Amino acid sequence: MNVSEAMQTRKTIRNFLDTPVPDDVIRSLLQKAARAPSGGNLQPWRIYVINGSTTARFLEHVQAKAGREVPEYAIYPPDLKEPYRSSRFKCGEDMYALLGIAREDKPARYAHLARNYELFGAPAVIFCYVDRIMGPPQWSDLGMFLQSFMLLATEAGLATCPQEAWASRPETVRSFVNPPQDLMLFCGVAIGHANLQAPVNKLVTDREPLEAWTTFV
């Protein structure tokens, strides 16, 4: 598989099989992804891996810690303007249509969102932390590292789900993985094998045409 194929086939998976993913595979993907660029070669990502029997213990921990927490950051701006608002809205509507959940069925929608905190059934997850002294340039480095990791996972026949939702449960994750206090949680990435029979995994999100966001000067 070349890079173009990995880009075309990678997508966010929201229903996983329980097929195990060996630690050595995750370790190899992380080592390869560490070749991602970072300004000044700071390599600001700090990764915690939960896999195997530890995943079950983590999910039990999450359930026991259910409750409101102070998010690490605002996942979306409070007042999205166009075209961003419509893009986000359509993504949600397309997903819920595949799930057969009507717009007015708020309990079912919330129940699906809550599956973030079950890793959508994935057997493994990585949590990406960054030092609190870092700024937006280093956050962009995290994105390049995580994209590299997800493309490499695609090449390896694995599926992923990047989950910024975990930023709203930072104390739950912190109390399990025990990172230093100067680290803050950016996101999780669920890892596993896609359940190809699950309707939600048929979602392919739209992309704006090149002319909408590119200017050749």
N, C-alpha and C. Protein backbone atom coordinates (compact mmCIF):
# COMPACT_ATOMS: atom_id res chain seq x y z
N MET A 1 0.85 -1.20 0.00
CA MET A 1 0.00 0.00 0.00
C MET A 1 0.88 1.24 0.00
N ASN A 2 0.61 2.18 -0.94
CA ASN A 2 1.37 3.42 -0.94
C ASN A 2 0.64 4.49 -0.14
N VAL A 3 1.26 5.65 -0.02
CA VAL A 3 0.70 6.71 0.82
C VAL A 3 -0.66 7.16 0.29
N SER A 4 -0.78 7.29 -1.02
CA SER A 4 -2.06 7.73 -1.61
C SER A 4 -3.18 6.75 -1.28
N GLU A 5 -2.88 5.46 -1.34
CA GLU A 5 -3.90 4.45 -1.01
C GLU A 5 -4.28 4.52 0.46
N ALA A 6 -3.29 4.72 1.31
CA ALA A 6 -3.59 4.82 2.74
C ALA A 6 -4.45 6.04 3.03
N MET A 7 -4.17 7.16 2.35
CA MET A 7 -4.98 8.37 2.53
C MET A 7 -6.42 8.15 2.08
N GLN A 8 -6.59 7.43 1.00
CA GLN A 8 -7.93 7.20 0.46
C GLN A 8 -8.74 6.22 1.30
N THR A 9 -8.07 5.26 1.91
CA THR A 9 -8.80 4.20 2.62
C THR A 9 -8.93 4.46 4.12
N ARG A 10 -8.08 5.33 4.70
CA ARG A 10 -8.20 5.62 6.13
C ARG A 10 -9.50 6.39 6.39
N LYS A 11 -10.22 5.96 7.39
CA LYS A 11 -11.38 6.72 7.84
C LYS A 11 -11.61 6.40 9.32
N THR A 12 -12.42 7.23 9.94
CA THR A 12 -12.72 7.04 11.35
C THR A 12 -13.70 5.89 11.54
N ILE A 13 -13.31 4.92 12.35
CA ILE A 13 -14.12 3.73 12.59
C ILE A 13 -14.79 3.86 13.96
N ARG A 14 -16.09 3.58 14.01
CA ARG A 14 -16.85 3.73 15.25
C ARG A 14 -17.53 2.42 15.68
N ASN A 15 -17.01 1.31 15.19
CA ASN A 15 -17.47 0.01 15.63
C ASN A 15 -16.36 -0.99 15.31
N PHE A 16 -15.76 -1.56 16.36
CA PHE A 16 -14.61 -2.44 16.19
C PHE A 16 -14.96 -3.88 16.56
N LEU A 17 -14.22 -4.82 15.97
CA LEU A 17 -14.24 -6.20 16.41
C LEU A 17 -13.38 -6.32 17.67
N ASP A 18 -13.56 -7.41 18.41
CA ASP A 18 -12.74 -7.59 19.61
C ASP A 18 -11.43 -8.34 19.31
N THR A 19 -11.07 -8.45 18.04
CA THR A 19 -9.83 -9.11 17.64
C THR A 19 -8.63 -8.42 18.28
N PRO A 20 -7.78 -9.14 18.98
CA PRO A 20 -6.66 -8.50 19.67
C PRO A 20 -5.66 -7.87 18.70
N VAL A 21 -4.96 -6.86 19.20
CA VAL A 21 -3.85 -6.23 18.48
C VAL A 21 -2.60 -6.40 19.35
N PRO A 22 -1.59 -7.12 18.86
CA PRO A 22 -0.40 -7.36 19.69
C PRO A 22 0.32 -6.06 20.07
N ASP A 23 0.87 -6.04 21.28
CA ASP A 23 1.66 -4.89 21.72
C ASP A 23 2.78 -4.57 20.74
N ASP A 24 3.43 -5.60 20.21
CA ASP A 24 4.56 -5.37 19.31
C ASP A 24 4.14 -4.62 18.05
N VAL A 25 2.92 -4.84 17.59
CA VAL A 25 2.44 -4.12 16.41
C VAL A 25 2.27 -2.64 16.74
N ILE A 26 1.67 -2.34 17.89
CA ILE A 26 1.49 -0.95 18.29
C ILE A 26 2.84 -0.28 18.51
N ARG A 27 3.76 -1.01 19.13
CA ARG A 27 5.10 -0.46 19.36
C ARG A 27 5.77 -0.11 18.04
N SER A 28 5.66 -0.98 17.05
CA SER A 28 6.27 -0.73 15.75
C SER A 28 5.64 0.49 15.06
N LEU A 29 4.32 0.60 15.14
CA LEU A 29 3.64 1.75 14.53
C LEU A 29 4.07 3.05 15.18
N LEU A 30 4.21 3.05 16.50
CA LEU A 30 4.64 4.25 17.20
C LEU A 30 6.08 4.63 16.83
N GLN A 31 6.93 3.64 16.74
CA GLN A 31 8.33 3.93 16.39
C GLN A 31 8.42 4.53 14.99
N LYS A 32 7.63 4.01 14.06
CA LYS A 32 7.64 4.55 12.69
C LYS A 32 7.03 5.95 12.66
N ALA A 33 5.94 6.15 13.40
CA ALA A 33 5.27 7.45 13.40
C ALA A 33 6.15 8.54 13.99
N ALA A 34 7.11 8.16 14.83
CA ALA A 34 7.99 9.14 15.47
C ALA A 34 8.89 9.84 14.47
N ARG A 35 8.90 9.39 13.20
CA ARG A 35 9.62 10.10 12.15
C ARG A 35 8.83 11.30 11.64
N ALA A 36 7.64 11.53 12.18
CA ALA A 36 6.85 12.70 11.80
C ALA A 36 7.63 13.97 12.14
N PRO A 37 7.44 15.05 11.36
CA PRO A 37 8.18 16.27 11.63
C PRO A 37 7.69 16.99 12.87
N SER A 38 8.60 17.73 13.51
CA SER A 38 8.22 18.61 14.61
C SER A 38 9.21 19.76 14.64
N GLY A 39 8.69 20.97 14.91
CA GLY A 39 9.53 22.15 14.91
C GLY A 39 10.66 22.03 15.93
N GLY A 40 11.90 22.27 15.47
CA GLY A 40 13.05 22.16 16.37
C GLY A 40 13.30 20.75 16.85
N ASN A 41 12.63 19.78 16.23
CA ASN A 41 12.74 18.37 16.64
C ASN A 41 12.37 18.18 18.11
N LEU A 42 11.37 18.96 18.59
CA LEU A 42 10.95 18.84 19.99
C LEU A 42 10.28 17.51 20.28
N GLN A 43 9.63 16.91 19.26
CA GLN A 43 8.93 15.64 19.45
C GLN A 43 8.04 15.72 20.69
N PRO A 44 7.03 16.60 20.69
CA PRO A 44 6.30 16.91 21.92
C PRO A 44 5.29 15.86 22.36
N TRP A 45 5.06 14.85 21.53
CA TRP A 45 4.07 13.83 21.90
C TRP A 45 4.58 12.95 23.04
N ARG A 46 3.67 12.64 23.95
CA ARG A 46 3.92 11.70 25.04
C ARG A 46 2.75 10.71 25.03
N ILE A 47 3.05 9.45 24.79
CA ILE A 47 2.02 8.46 24.48
C ILE A 47 1.90 7.42 25.60
N TYR A 48 0.66 7.12 25.94
CA TYR A 48 0.35 6.05 26.89
C TYR A 48 -0.52 5.03 26.17
N VAL A 49 -0.11 3.78 26.23
CA VAL A 49 -0.79 2.69 25.51
C VAL A 49 -1.57 1.84 26.50
N ILE A 50 -2.82 1.58 26.16
CA ILE A 50 -3.66 0.65 26.92
C ILE A 50 -4.11 -0.44 25.96
N ASN A 51 -3.85 -1.68 26.33
CA ASN A 51 -4.12 -2.79 25.42
C ASN A 51 -4.35 -4.07 26.21
N GLY A 52 -4.94 -5.05 25.54
CA GLY A 52 -5.13 -6.37 26.14
C GLY A 52 -6.02 -6.34 27.36
N SER A 53 -5.64 -7.06 28.39
CA SER A 53 -6.45 -7.15 29.61
C SER A 53 -6.54 -5.80 30.32
N THR A 54 -5.56 -4.92 30.07
CA THR A 54 -5.60 -3.61 30.69
C THR A 54 -6.77 -2.78 30.17
N THR A 55 -7.18 -3.02 28.92
CA THR A 55 -8.30 -2.28 28.35
C THR A 55 -9.57 -2.54 29.14
N ALA A 56 -9.82 -3.78 29.49
CA ALA A 56 -11.02 -4.10 30.27
C ALA A 56 -10.98 -3.40 31.62
N ARG A 57 -9.82 -3.38 32.26
CA ARG A 57 -9.71 -2.69 33.55
C ARG A 57 -9.91 -1.19 33.39
N PHE A 58 -9.40 -0.64 32.29
CA PHE A 58 -9.58 0.78 32.03
C PHE A 58 -11.05 1.13 31.83
N LEU A 59 -11.77 0.33 31.07
CA LEU A 59 -13.18 0.61 30.82
C LEU A 59 -14.00 0.50 32.10
N GLU A 60 -13.65 -0.43 32.96
CA GLU A 60 -14.31 -0.51 34.27
C GLU A 60 -14.02 0.75 35.08
N HIS A 61 -12.81 1.22 35.01
CA HIS A 61 -12.41 2.45 35.69
C HIS A 61 -13.21 3.64 35.17
N VAL A 62 -13.39 3.71 33.85
CA VAL A 62 -14.15 4.80 33.24
C VAL A 62 -15.59 4.80 33.75
N GLN A 63 -16.18 3.62 33.80
CA GLN A 63 -17.56 3.53 34.29
C GLN A 63 -17.66 3.96 35.75
N ALA A 64 -16.69 3.59 36.54
CA ALA A 64 -16.71 3.93 37.97
C ALA A 64 -16.51 5.41 38.20
N LYS A 65 -15.84 6.08 37.24
CA LYS A 65 -15.54 7.50 37.39
C LYS A 65 -16.55 8.40 36.69
N ALA A 66 -17.67 7.85 36.27
CA ALA A 66 -18.65 8.63 35.50
C ALA A 66 -19.03 9.89 36.26
N GLY A 67 -19.02 11.01 35.55
CA GLY A 67 -19.35 12.29 36.16
C GLY A 67 -18.74 13.42 35.36
N ARG A 68 -19.18 14.64 35.60
CA ARG A 68 -18.69 15.79 34.85
C ARG A 68 -17.28 16.16 35.32
N GLU A 69 -16.45 16.53 34.34
CA GLU A 69 -15.09 16.97 34.61
C GLU A 69 -14.82 18.27 33.87
N VAL A 70 -13.77 18.94 34.24
CA VAL A 70 -13.36 20.15 33.54
C VAL A 70 -12.55 19.74 32.31
N PRO A 71 -13.03 20.04 31.10
CA PRO A 71 -12.30 19.64 29.89
C PRO A 71 -10.93 20.29 29.82
N GLU A 72 -10.01 19.62 29.15
CA GLU A 72 -8.68 20.19 28.95
C GLU A 72 -8.73 21.42 28.04
N TYR A 73 -9.65 21.42 27.08
CA TYR A 73 -9.77 22.52 26.13
C TYR A 73 -11.12 22.41 25.44
N ALA A 74 -11.53 23.47 24.75
CA ALA A 74 -12.78 23.44 23.98
C ALA A 74 -12.52 22.71 22.67
N ILE A 75 -13.21 21.61 22.46
CA ILE A 75 -12.98 20.80 21.27
C ILE A 75 -13.39 21.55 20.01
N TYR A 76 -14.49 22.31 20.08
CA TYR A 76 -14.92 23.14 18.96
C TYR A 76 -15.07 24.58 19.45
N PRO A 77 -14.85 25.56 18.57
CA PRO A 77 -15.13 26.95 18.95
C PRO A 77 -16.60 27.10 19.33
N PRO A 78 -16.91 27.98 20.27
CA PRO A 78 -18.30 28.10 20.74
C PRO A 78 -19.28 28.59 19.68
N ASP A 79 -18.81 29.39 18.73
CA ASP A 79 -19.69 29.93 17.69
C ASP A 79 -19.10 29.64 16.31
N LEU A 80 -19.28 28.41 15.86
CA LEU A 80 -18.78 28.05 14.54
C LEU A 80 -19.49 28.86 13.46
N LYS A 81 -18.73 29.40 12.53
CA LYS A 81 -19.31 30.11 11.40
C LYS A 81 -19.26 29.20 10.16
N GLU A 82 -19.89 29.65 9.10
CA GLU A 82 -19.86 28.88 7.86
C GLU A 82 -18.49 29.03 7.18
N PRO A 83 -18.04 27.99 6.47
CA PRO A 83 -18.75 26.74 6.16
C PRO A 83 -18.54 25.64 7.19
N TYR A 84 -17.84 25.96 8.29
CA TYR A 84 -17.46 24.94 9.25
C TYR A 84 -18.69 24.34 9.96
N ARG A 85 -19.64 25.21 10.28
CA ARG A 85 -20.83 24.75 10.99
C ARG A 85 -21.59 23.72 10.16
N SER A 86 -21.78 24.02 8.88
CA SER A 86 -22.53 23.10 8.02
C SER A 86 -21.79 21.79 7.81
N SER A 87 -20.47 21.86 7.73
CA SER A 87 -19.69 20.62 7.56
C SER A 87 -19.86 19.71 8.77
N ARG A 88 -19.77 20.30 9.96
CA ARG A 88 -19.93 19.50 11.18
C ARG A 88 -21.35 18.94 11.27
N PHE A 89 -22.34 19.77 10.97
CA PHE A 89 -23.73 19.34 11.05
C PHE A 89 -24.00 18.17 10.10
N LYS A 90 -23.52 18.29 8.85
CA LYS A 90 -23.77 17.23 7.86
C LYS A 90 -23.08 15.93 8.26
N CYS A 91 -21.89 16.03 8.82
CA CYS A 91 -21.20 14.82 9.28
C CYS A 91 -22.05 14.08 10.30
N GLY A 92 -22.59 14.82 11.27
CA GLY A 92 -23.43 14.20 12.29
C GLY A 92 -24.70 13.61 11.71
N GLU A 93 -25.36 14.36 10.83
CA GLU A 93 -26.61 13.88 10.24
C GLU A 93 -26.38 12.63 9.40
N ASP A 94 -25.30 12.61 8.63
CA ASP A 94 -25.00 11.42 7.80
C ASP A 94 -24.73 10.21 8.68
N MET A 95 -24.03 10.41 9.78
CA MET A 95 -23.72 9.30 10.68
C MET A 95 -24.98 8.75 11.32
N TYR A 96 -25.83 9.64 11.85
CA TYR A 96 -27.04 9.17 12.52
C TYR A 96 -28.02 8.55 11.54
N ALA A 97 -28.00 8.99 10.29
CA ALA A 97 -28.86 8.36 9.28
C ALA A 97 -28.45 6.91 9.06
N LEU A 98 -27.15 6.65 9.00
CA LEU A 98 -26.67 5.27 8.86
C LEU A 98 -27.05 4.42 10.06
N LEU A 99 -27.09 5.05 11.23
CA LEU A 99 -27.45 4.33 12.46
C LEU A 99 -28.95 4.20 12.63
N GLY A 100 -29.71 4.90 11.79
CA GLY A 100 -31.17 4.85 11.92
C GLY A 100 -31.68 5.60 13.12
N ILE A 101 -30.97 6.64 13.55
CA ILE A 101 -31.36 7.42 14.72
C ILE A 101 -31.92 8.77 14.26
N ALA A 102 -33.16 9.03 14.56
CA ALA A 102 -33.80 10.27 14.13
C ALA A 102 -33.24 11.46 14.90
N ARG A 103 -33.38 12.65 14.32
CA ARG A 103 -32.85 13.86 14.93
C ARG A 103 -33.47 14.12 16.29
N GLU A 104 -34.76 13.81 16.42
CA GLU A 104 -35.45 14.10 17.68
C GLU A 104 -35.19 13.04 18.75
N ASP A 105 -34.52 11.95 18.39
CA ASP A 105 -34.25 10.88 19.37
C ASP A 105 -32.97 11.20 20.12
N LYS A 106 -33.04 12.17 21.01
CA LYS A 106 -31.86 12.63 21.74
C LYS A 106 -31.23 11.53 22.60
N PRO A 107 -32.03 10.70 23.31
CA PRO A 107 -31.40 9.64 24.12
C PRO A 107 -30.53 8.70 23.30
N ALA A 108 -31.01 8.32 22.10
CA ALA A 108 -30.23 7.41 21.26
C ALA A 108 -28.95 8.09 20.76
N ARG A 109 -29.05 9.38 20.46
CA ARG A 109 -27.86 10.11 20.00
C ARG A 109 -26.83 10.21 21.12
N TYR A 110 -27.29 10.53 22.32
CA TYR A 110 -26.37 10.62 23.45
C TYR A 110 -25.75 9.25 23.76
N ALA A 111 -26.54 8.20 23.59
CA ALA A 111 -26.03 6.86 23.86
C ALA A 111 -24.92 6.50 22.88
N HIS A 112 -25.08 6.91 21.62
CA HIS A 112 -24.02 6.63 20.66
C HIS A 112 -22.77 7.46 20.98
N LEU A 113 -22.95 8.72 21.33
CA LEU A 113 -21.81 9.54 21.71
C LEU A 113 -21.07 8.95 22.91
N ALA A 114 -21.83 8.36 23.83
CA ALA A 114 -21.23 7.77 25.02
C ALA A 114 -20.34 6.58 24.68
N ARG A 115 -20.53 5.99 23.50
CA ARG A 115 -19.69 4.86 23.10
C ARG A 115 -18.24 5.28 22.87
N ASN A 116 -18.01 6.61 22.75
CA ASN A 116 -16.62 7.08 22.74
C ASN A 116 -15.88 6.54 23.95
N TYR A 117 -16.57 6.54 25.09
CA TYR A 117 -15.94 6.16 26.35
C TYR A 117 -15.95 4.65 26.57
N GLU A 118 -16.36 3.93 25.53
CA GLU A 118 -16.21 2.47 25.48
C GLU A 118 -15.24 2.09 24.37
N LEU A 119 -14.59 3.10 23.79
CA LEU A 119 -13.64 2.92 22.68
C LEU A 119 -14.29 2.31 21.45
N PHE A 120 -15.62 2.41 21.37
CA PHE A 120 -16.38 1.83 20.27
C PHE A 120 -16.06 0.34 20.09
N GLY A 121 -15.69 -0.30 21.20
CA GLY A 121 -15.41 -1.73 21.17
C GLY A 121 -13.99 -2.09 20.80
N ALA A 122 -13.12 -1.10 20.61
CA ALA A 122 -11.73 -1.38 20.21
C ALA A 122 -10.97 -2.06 21.35
N PRO A 123 -10.03 -2.94 21.03
CA PRO A 123 -9.26 -3.63 22.08
C PRO A 123 -8.08 -2.83 22.60
N ALA A 124 -7.75 -1.72 21.93
CA ALA A 124 -6.56 -0.96 22.32
C ALA A 124 -6.81 0.53 22.10
N VAL A 125 -6.05 1.34 22.83
CA VAL A 125 -6.14 2.79 22.67
C VAL A 125 -4.79 3.39 23.05
N ILE A 126 -4.42 4.45 22.34
CA ILE A 126 -3.28 5.26 22.80
C ILE A 126 -3.83 6.62 23.23
N PHE A 127 -3.24 7.17 24.28
CA PHE A 127 -3.58 8.51 24.73
C PHE A 127 -2.37 9.41 24.48
N CYS A 128 -2.63 10.51 23.80
CA CYS A 128 -1.57 11.45 23.43
C CYS A 128 -1.60 12.65 24.37
N TYR A 129 -0.51 12.84 25.08
CA TYR A 129 -0.34 13.97 25.99
C TYR A 129 0.70 14.94 25.43
N VAL A 130 0.66 16.17 25.94
CA VAL A 130 1.64 17.18 25.56
C VAL A 130 1.95 18.03 26.79
N ASP A 131 3.18 18.48 26.90
CA ASP A 131 3.56 19.33 28.02
C ASP A 131 2.77 20.63 27.99
N ARG A 132 2.34 21.10 29.14
CA ARG A 132 1.50 22.29 29.21
C ARG A 132 2.23 23.56 28.78
N ILE A 133 3.54 23.53 28.73
CA ILE A 133 4.27 24.72 28.27
C ILE A 133 4.21 24.87 26.75
N MET A 134 3.77 23.84 26.04
CA MET A 134 3.77 23.88 24.58
C MET A 134 2.62 24.73 24.06
N GLY A 135 2.82 25.27 22.85
CA GLY A 135 1.82 26.13 22.24
C GLY A 135 1.28 25.56 20.95
N PRO A 136 0.51 26.37 20.19
CA PRO A 136 -0.11 25.89 18.94
C PRO A 136 0.86 25.23 17.96
N PRO A 137 2.09 25.72 17.79
CA PRO A 137 2.98 25.03 16.85
C PRO A 137 3.23 23.57 17.24
N GLN A 138 3.37 23.33 18.55
CA GLN A 138 3.61 21.95 18.99
C GLN A 138 2.33 21.11 18.89
N TRP A 139 1.16 21.74 19.05
CA TRP A 139 -0.08 21.01 18.84
C TRP A 139 -0.19 20.56 17.39
N SER A 140 0.30 21.37 16.46
CA SER A 140 0.29 20.94 15.06
C SER A 140 1.24 19.76 14.87
N ASP A 141 2.33 19.74 15.64
CA ASP A 141 3.23 18.58 15.60
C ASP A 141 2.51 17.31 16.03
N LEU A 142 1.66 17.43 17.06
CA LEU A 142 0.88 16.27 17.50
C LEU A 142 0.02 15.74 16.36
N GLY A 143 -0.60 16.66 15.62
CA GLY A 143 -1.46 16.25 14.51
C GLY A 143 -0.68 15.48 13.45
N MET A 144 0.53 15.96 13.16
CA MET A 144 1.34 15.26 12.15
C MET A 144 1.75 13.88 12.65
N PHE A 145 2.09 13.80 13.92
CA PHE A 145 2.44 12.49 14.50
C PHE A 145 1.25 11.54 14.46
N LEU A 146 0.08 12.02 14.87
CA LEU A 146 -1.10 11.16 14.93
C LEU A 146 -1.56 10.74 13.54
N GLN A 147 -1.52 11.65 12.59
CA GLN A 147 -1.87 11.28 11.21
C GLN A 147 -0.91 10.22 10.70
N SER A 148 0.38 10.38 10.97
CA SER A 148 1.35 9.38 10.54
C SER A 148 1.03 8.03 11.16
N PHE A 149 0.71 8.04 12.45
CA PHE A 149 0.36 6.79 13.14
C PHE A 149 -0.86 6.13 12.50
N MET A 150 -1.89 6.91 12.20
CA MET A 150 -3.11 6.34 11.64
C MET A 150 -2.91 5.82 10.22
N LEU A 151 -2.10 6.50 9.43
CA LEU A 151 -1.81 6.00 8.08
C LEU A 151 -1.00 4.71 8.16
N LEU A 152 -0.05 4.66 9.06
CA LEU A 152 0.73 3.42 9.24
C LEU A 152 -0.16 2.28 9.72
N ALA A 153 -1.12 2.59 10.58
CA ALA A 153 -2.06 1.57 11.03
C ALA A 153 -2.90 1.06 9.87
N THR A 154 -3.31 1.95 8.99
CA THR A 154 -4.07 1.55 7.81
C THR A 154 -3.24 0.60 6.95
N GLU A 155 -1.97 0.96 6.74
CA GLU A 155 -1.07 0.10 5.97
C GLU A 155 -0.95 -1.28 6.60
N ALA A 156 -1.00 -1.34 7.93
CA ALA A 156 -0.87 -2.60 8.65
C ALA A 156 -2.18 -3.38 8.74
N GLY A 157 -3.23 -2.87 8.11
CA GLY A 157 -4.52 -3.56 8.12
C GLY A 157 -5.36 -3.29 9.33
N LEU A 158 -5.02 -2.24 10.07
CA LEU A 158 -5.76 -1.88 11.27
C LEU A 158 -6.64 -0.66 11.03
N ALA A 159 -7.60 -0.46 11.91
CA ALA A 159 -8.50 0.68 11.84
C ALA A 159 -8.30 1.54 13.09
N THR A 160 -8.63 2.82 12.98
CA THR A 160 -8.44 3.73 14.09
C THR A 160 -9.62 4.68 14.22
N CYS A 161 -9.73 5.28 15.38
CA CYS A 161 -10.71 6.34 15.64
C CYS A 161 -10.06 7.39 16.51
N PRO A 162 -9.69 8.54 15.93
CA PRO A 162 -9.17 9.62 16.76
C PRO A 162 -10.27 10.18 17.63
N GLN A 163 -10.00 10.35 18.92
CA GLN A 163 -11.05 10.69 19.88
C GLN A 163 -10.66 11.88 20.74
N GLU A 164 -10.98 13.08 20.26
CA GLU A 164 -10.79 14.27 21.09
C GLU A 164 -11.78 14.28 22.25
N ALA A 165 -12.82 13.44 22.16
CA ALA A 165 -13.82 13.37 23.23
C ALA A 165 -13.19 13.10 24.59
N TRP A 166 -12.05 12.40 24.60
CA TRP A 166 -11.41 12.10 25.88
C TRP A 166 -10.89 13.35 26.57
N ALA A 167 -10.74 14.45 25.83
CA ALA A 167 -10.30 15.70 26.46
C ALA A 167 -11.32 16.21 27.47
N SER A 168 -12.56 15.71 27.38
CA SER A 168 -13.58 16.09 28.35
C SER A 168 -13.58 15.18 29.57
N ARG A 169 -12.72 14.15 29.57
CA ARG A 169 -12.61 13.23 30.72
C ARG A 169 -11.14 13.13 31.16
N PRO A 170 -10.44 14.26 31.31
CA PRO A 170 -9.00 14.18 31.57
C PRO A 170 -8.64 13.54 32.90
N GLU A 171 -9.44 13.79 33.95
CA GLU A 171 -9.11 13.23 35.25
C GLU A 171 -9.33 11.72 35.28
N THR A 172 -10.34 11.27 34.55
CA THR A 172 -10.59 9.83 34.46
C THR A 172 -9.39 9.12 33.86
N VAL A 173 -8.87 9.67 32.76
CA VAL A 173 -7.71 9.04 32.10
C VAL A 173 -6.47 9.20 32.97
N ARG A 174 -6.28 10.40 33.50
CA ARG A 174 -5.09 10.68 34.32
C ARG A 174 -4.99 9.73 35.51
N SER A 175 -6.10 9.48 36.16
CA SER A 175 -6.07 8.65 37.36
C SER A 175 -5.79 7.19 37.04
N PHE A 176 -5.83 6.84 35.75
CA PHE A 176 -5.51 5.46 35.36
C PHE A 176 -4.08 5.35 34.84
N VAL A 177 -3.68 6.28 33.95
CA VAL A 177 -2.35 6.15 33.33
C VAL A 177 -1.26 6.87 34.13
N ASN A 178 -1.66 7.78 35.03
CA ASN A 178 -0.74 8.43 35.97
C ASN A 178 0.41 9.17 35.29
N PRO A 179 0.11 10.13 34.41
CA PRO A 179 1.18 10.91 33.78
C PRO A 179 1.67 11.99 34.74
N PRO A 180 2.82 12.59 34.47
CA PRO A 180 3.27 13.72 35.27
C PRO A 180 2.26 14.87 35.20
N GLN A 181 2.22 15.68 36.24
CA GLN A 181 1.24 16.75 36.31
C GLN A 181 1.44 17.81 35.23
N ASP A 182 2.64 17.93 34.69
CA ASP A 182 2.88 18.96 33.67
C ASP A 182 2.44 18.53 32.27
N LEU A 183 1.84 17.35 32.17
CA LEU A 183 1.31 16.90 30.89
C LEU A 183 -0.20 17.08 30.86
N MET A 184 -0.73 17.47 29.69
CA MET A 184 -2.17 17.56 29.50
C MET A 184 -2.60 16.63 28.38
N LEU A 185 -3.81 16.12 28.51
CA LEU A 185 -4.34 15.16 27.54
C LEU A 185 -4.84 15.89 26.30
N PHE A 186 -4.35 15.48 25.15
CA PHE A 186 -4.85 16.01 23.88
C PHE A 186 -5.97 15.15 23.33
N CYS A 187 -5.74 13.86 23.16
CA CYS A 187 -6.77 12.99 22.59
C CYS A 187 -6.41 11.53 22.82
N GLY A 188 -7.34 10.67 22.49
CA GLY A 188 -7.09 9.24 22.41
C GLY A 188 -7.23 8.79 20.97
N VAL A 189 -6.69 7.64 20.66
CA VAL A 189 -6.90 7.00 19.35
C VAL A 189 -7.20 5.53 19.60
N ALA A 190 -8.44 5.14 19.34
CA ALA A 190 -8.82 3.74 19.46
C ALA A 190 -8.24 2.96 18.30
N ILE A 191 -7.80 1.73 18.56
CA ILE A 191 -7.09 0.92 17.57
C ILE A 191 -7.66 -0.49 17.56
N GLY A 192 -7.89 -1.02 16.38
CA GLY A 192 -8.38 -2.39 16.29
C GLY A 192 -8.68 -2.76 14.85
N HIS A 193 -9.59 -3.71 14.71
CA HIS A 193 -10.05 -4.14 13.39
C HIS A 193 -11.50 -3.69 13.21
N ALA A 194 -11.79 -3.11 12.07
CA ALA A 194 -13.13 -2.58 11.82
C ALA A 194 -14.16 -3.69 11.70
N ASN A 195 -15.32 -3.47 12.30
CA ASN A 195 -16.47 -4.34 12.08
C ASN A 195 -17.13 -3.89 10.79
N LEU A 196 -16.84 -4.57 9.71
CA LEU A 196 -17.31 -4.13 8.39
C LEU A 196 -18.81 -4.31 8.22
N GLN A 197 -19.46 -5.03 9.13
CA GLN A 197 -20.90 -5.21 9.05
C GLN A 197 -21.66 -4.08 9.73
N ALA A 198 -20.97 -3.25 10.47
CA ALA A 198 -21.63 -2.18 11.22
C ALA A 198 -21.98 -1.03 10.27
N PRO A 199 -23.25 -0.63 10.21
CA PRO A 199 -23.65 0.44 9.29
C PRO A 199 -22.85 1.73 9.49
N VAL A 200 -22.52 2.08 10.73
CA VAL A 200 -21.83 3.35 10.98
C VAL A 200 -20.48 3.40 10.28
N ASN A 201 -19.88 2.25 10.03
CA ASN A 201 -18.57 2.24 9.39
C ASN A 201 -18.65 2.43 7.88
N LYS A 202 -19.85 2.58 7.36
CA LYS A 202 -20.00 2.91 5.94
C LYS A 202 -19.90 4.41 5.70
N LEU A 203 -19.82 5.17 6.78
CA LEU A 203 -19.74 6.62 6.65
C LEU A 203 -18.43 7.04 5.99
N VAL A 204 -18.57 7.80 4.92
CA VAL A 204 -17.43 8.45 4.26
C VAL A 204 -17.74 9.94 4.22
N THR A 205 -17.04 10.72 5.00
CA THR A 205 -17.36 12.14 5.10
C THR A 205 -16.95 12.89 3.84
N ASP A 206 -17.69 13.97 3.58
CA ASP A 206 -17.43 14.79 2.40
C ASP A 206 -16.14 15.58 2.57
N ARG A 207 -15.62 16.05 1.44
CA ARG A 207 -14.50 16.98 1.44
C ARG A 207 -14.86 18.16 0.54
N GLU A 208 -14.53 19.35 1.00
CA GLU A 208 -14.76 20.54 0.21
C GLU A 208 -13.94 20.47 -1.08
N PRO A 209 -14.45 21.04 -2.18
CA PRO A 209 -13.66 21.06 -3.41
C PRO A 209 -12.40 21.90 -3.24
N LEU A 210 -11.38 21.56 -3.97
CA LEU A 210 -10.09 22.24 -3.85
C LEU A 210 -10.24 23.75 -3.97
N GLU A 211 -11.12 24.20 -4.86
CA GLU A 211 -11.27 25.63 -5.11
C GLU A 211 -11.81 26.38 -3.89
N ALA A 212 -12.47 25.67 -2.98
CA ALA A 212 -13.06 26.31 -1.81
C ALA A 212 -12.03 26.69 -0.76
N TRP A 213 -10.86 26.06 -0.79
CA TRP A 213 -9.89 26.32 0.28
C TRP A 213 -8.46 26.52 -0.19
N THR A 214 -8.26 26.55 -1.51
CA THR A 214 -6.91 26.73 -2.05
C THR A 214 -6.86 27.94 -2.97
N THR A 215 -5.85 28.77 -2.78
CA THR A 215 -5.62 29.92 -3.66
C THR A 215 -4.22 29.85 -4.21
N PHE A 216 -4.11 29.75 -5.53
CA PHE A 216 -2.82 29.82 -6.19
C PHE A 216 -2.52 31.30 -6.45
N VAL A 217 -1.50 31.82 -5.80
CA VAL A 217 -1.18 33.25 -5.91
C VAL A 217 -0.23 33.49 -7.09
